[in-house]
Amino acid sequence: MCTYGFTTRALVATVCDGDARRLVAMDARSPGRVVPGQSLTVSVWDTGDARSRFRTAVDGEVVLDRGNRGGHGGGRVRLSAQDAAA
């Protein structure tokens, strides 16, 4: 559940310009496990249809896959537990 929350924070920071009100819905499949203290890499792609796709990984292993959200933009952000606490 925390992985989903950290991913949400990364999406708000990158494709919502820091405005959480712009994130109205998202979904993803969770094929992997995350151990506390591991750093997440969230990759986001603009699909060109006012939506974004995303994937979250730990050391190259996908832990959230097939992610979708409404919105625009794209980027890649590395987020750790220390970042989320800030």
C-alpha atoms as a PDB file:
ATOM      1  CA  MET A   1       0.000   0.000   0.000  1.00  0.00           C
ATOM      2  CA  CYS A   2       2.851   2.426   0.739  1.00  0.00           C
ATOM      3  CA  THR A   3       4.300   1.775  -2.723  1.00  0.00           C
ATOM      4  CA  TYR A   4       1.029   2.968  -4.236  1.00  0.00           C
ATOM      5  CA  GLY A   5       1.149   6.090  -2.035  1.00  0.00           C
ATOM      6  CA  PHE A   6       4.752   6.918  -2.964  1.00  0.00           C
ATOM      7  CA  THR A   7       3.888   6.407  -6.633  1.00  0.00           C
ATOM      8  CA  THR A   8       0.910   8.737  -6.249  1.00  0.00           C
ATOM      9  CA  ARG A   9       3.181  11.390  -4.752  1.00  0.00           C
ATOM     10  CA  ALA A  10       5.594  11.041  -7.692  1.00  0.00           C
ATOM     11  CA  LEU A  11       2.722  11.387 -10.198  1.00  0.00           C
ATOM     12  CA  VAL A  12       1.417  14.509  -8.468  1.00  0.00           C
ATOM     13  CA  ALA A  13       4.930  16.002  -8.480  1.00  0.00           C
ATOM     14  CA  THR A  14       5.625  15.247 -12.151  1.00  0.00           C
ATOM     15  CA  VAL A  15       2.456  15.240 -14.227  1.00  0.00           C
ATOM     16  CA  CYS A  16       0.149  17.246 -11.960  1.00  0.00           C
ATOM     17  CA  ASP A  17       2.611  20.108 -11.329  1.00  0.00           C
ATOM     18  CA  GLY A  18       2.319  19.509  -7.579  1.00  0.00           C
ATOM     19  CA  ASP A  19      -1.471  19.982  -7.539  1.00  0.00           C
ATOM     20  CA  ALA A  20      -3.037  16.824  -6.047  1.00  0.00           C
ATOM     21  CA  ARG A  21      -6.509  17.999  -7.126  1.00  0.00           C
ATOM     22  CA  ARG A  22      -5.480  17.207 -10.716  1.00  0.00           C
ATOM     23  CA  LEU A  23      -5.153  13.495  -9.887  1.00  0.00           C
ATOM     24  CA  VAL A  24      -8.717  12.229  -9.913  1.00  0.00           C
ATOM     25  CA  ALA A  25      -8.105   8.505 -10.546  1.00  0.00           C
ATOM     26  CA  MET A  26      -5.344   5.979 -11.050  1.00  0.00           C
ATOM     27  CA  ASP A  27      -4.926   2.226 -11.122  1.00  0.00           C
ATOM     28  CA  ALA A  28      -2.077  -0.278 -11.338  1.00  0.00           C
ATOM     29  CA  ARG A  29      -1.278  -3.969 -11.010  1.00  0.00           C
ATOM     30  CA  SER A  30       1.048  -4.987  -8.166  1.00  0.00           C
ATOM     31  CA  PRO A  31       3.240  -7.944  -9.212  1.00  0.00           C
ATOM     32  CA  GLY A  32       6.104  -7.342  -6.767  1.00  0.00           C
ATOM     33  CA  ARG A  33       7.067  -6.663  -3.145  1.00  0.00           C
ATOM     34  CA  VAL A  34       8.890  -3.735  -1.614  1.00  0.00           C
ATOM     35  CA  VAL A  35      10.863  -3.853   1.626  1.00  0.00           C
ATOM     36  CA  PRO A  36      10.921  -0.693   3.791  1.00  0.00           C
ATOM     37  CA  GLY A  37      13.954   1.440   2.977  1.00  0.00           C
ATOM     38  CA  GLN A  38      14.190   0.479  -0.710  1.00  0.00           C
ATOM     39  CA  SER A  39      14.142   3.321  -3.255  1.00  0.00           C
ATOM     40  CA  LEU A  40      11.428   3.383  -5.886  1.00  0.00           C
ATOM     41  CA  THR A  41      11.891   4.479  -9.492  1.00  0.00           C
ATOM     42  CA  VAL A  42       8.637   5.726 -11.013  1.00  0.00           C
ATOM     43  CA  SER A  43       8.587   5.990 -14.814  1.00  0.00           C
ATOM     44  CA  VAL A  44       5.778   8.002 -16.424  1.00  0.00           C
ATOM     45  CA  TRP A  45       4.846   8.185 -20.110  1.00  0.00           C
ATOM     46  CA  ASP A  46       2.487  10.595 -21.839  1.00  0.00           C
ATOM     47  CA  THR A  47       0.288   8.472 -24.104  1.00  0.00           C
ATOM     48  CA  GLY A  48      -0.846  11.449 -26.188  1.00  0.00           C
ATOM     49  CA  ASP A  49      -4.523  11.044 -25.345  1.00  0.00           C
ATOM     50  CA  ALA A  50      -4.609  13.239 -22.199  1.00  0.00           C
ATOM     51  CA  ARG A  51      -3.655  10.223 -20.083  1.00  0.00           C
ATOM     52  CA  SER A  52      -0.411   8.909 -18.645  1.00  0.00           C
ATOM     53  CA  ARG A  53       0.937   5.407 -18.088  1.00  0.00           C
ATOM     54  CA  PHE A  54       3.340   4.569 -15.285  1.00  0.00           C
ATOM     55  CA  ARG A  55       5.462   1.785 -13.826  1.00  0.00           C
ATOM     56  CA  THR A  56       7.251   1.613 -10.477  1.00  0.00           C
ATOM     57  CA  ALA A  57      10.377  -0.484  -9.946  1.00  0.00           C
ATOM     58  CA  VAL A  58      12.932  -1.319  -7.257  1.00  0.00           C
ATOM     59  CA  ASP A  59      16.425  -2.091  -8.576  1.00  0.00           C
ATOM     60  CA  GLY A  60      14.945  -2.842 -12.002  1.00  0.00           C
ATOM     61  CA  GLU A  61      12.258  -5.216 -10.670  1.00  0.00           C
ATOM     62  CA  VAL A  62       8.733  -3.993 -11.457  1.00  0.00           C
ATOM     63  CA  VAL A  63       6.577  -3.650  -8.334  1.00  0.00           C
ATOM     64  CA  LEU A  64       3.650  -1.668  -9.843  1.00  0.00           C
ATOM     65  CA  ASP A  65       2.803  -2.277 -13.480  1.00  0.00           C
ATOM     66  CA  ARG A  66       0.214  -1.290 -16.090  1.00  0.00           C
ATOM     67  CA  GLY A  67      -0.464   1.965 -14.275  1.00  0.00           C
ATOM     68  CA  ASN A  68      -2.941   4.466 -15.722  1.00  0.00           C
ATOM     69  CA  ARG A  69      -3.971   7.984 -14.728  1.00  0.00           C
ATOM     70  CA  GLY A  70      -5.820  10.864 -16.333  1.00  0.00           C
ATOM     71  CA  GLY A  71      -3.756  13.964 -17.146  1.00  0.00           C
ATOM     72  CA  HIS A  72      -0.776  14.951 -19.268  1.00  0.00           C
ATOM     73  CA  GLY A  73       2.997  15.233 -19.198  1.00  0.00           C
ATOM     74  CA  GLY A  74       5.749  12.741 -18.598  1.00  0.00           C
ATOM     75  CA  GLY A  75       9.017  12.212 -16.840  1.00  0.00           C
ATOM     76  CA  ARG A  76      10.969   9.982 -14.534  1.00  0.00           C
ATOM     77  CA  VAL A  77      11.461  10.512 -10.837  1.00  0.00           C
ATOM     78  CA  ARG A  78      13.313   8.583  -8.132  1.00  0.00           C
ATOM     79  CA  LEU A  79      11.535   8.734  -4.787  1.00  0.00           C
ATOM     80  CA  SER A  80      12.647   7.287  -1.478  1.00  0.00           C
ATOM     81  CA  ALA A  81      11.013   7.102   1.933  1.00  0.00           C
ATOM     82  CA  GLN A  82      13.143  10.079   2.996  1.00  0.00           C
ATOM     83  CA  ASP A  83      11.713  12.165   0.115  1.00  0.00           C
ATOM     84  CA  ALA A  84       8.153  11.290   1.104  1.00  0.00           C
ATOM     85  CA  ALA A  85       8.761  12.328   4.699  1.00  0.00           C
ATOM     86  CA  ALA A  86       9.948  15.784   3.589  1.00  0.00           C
END
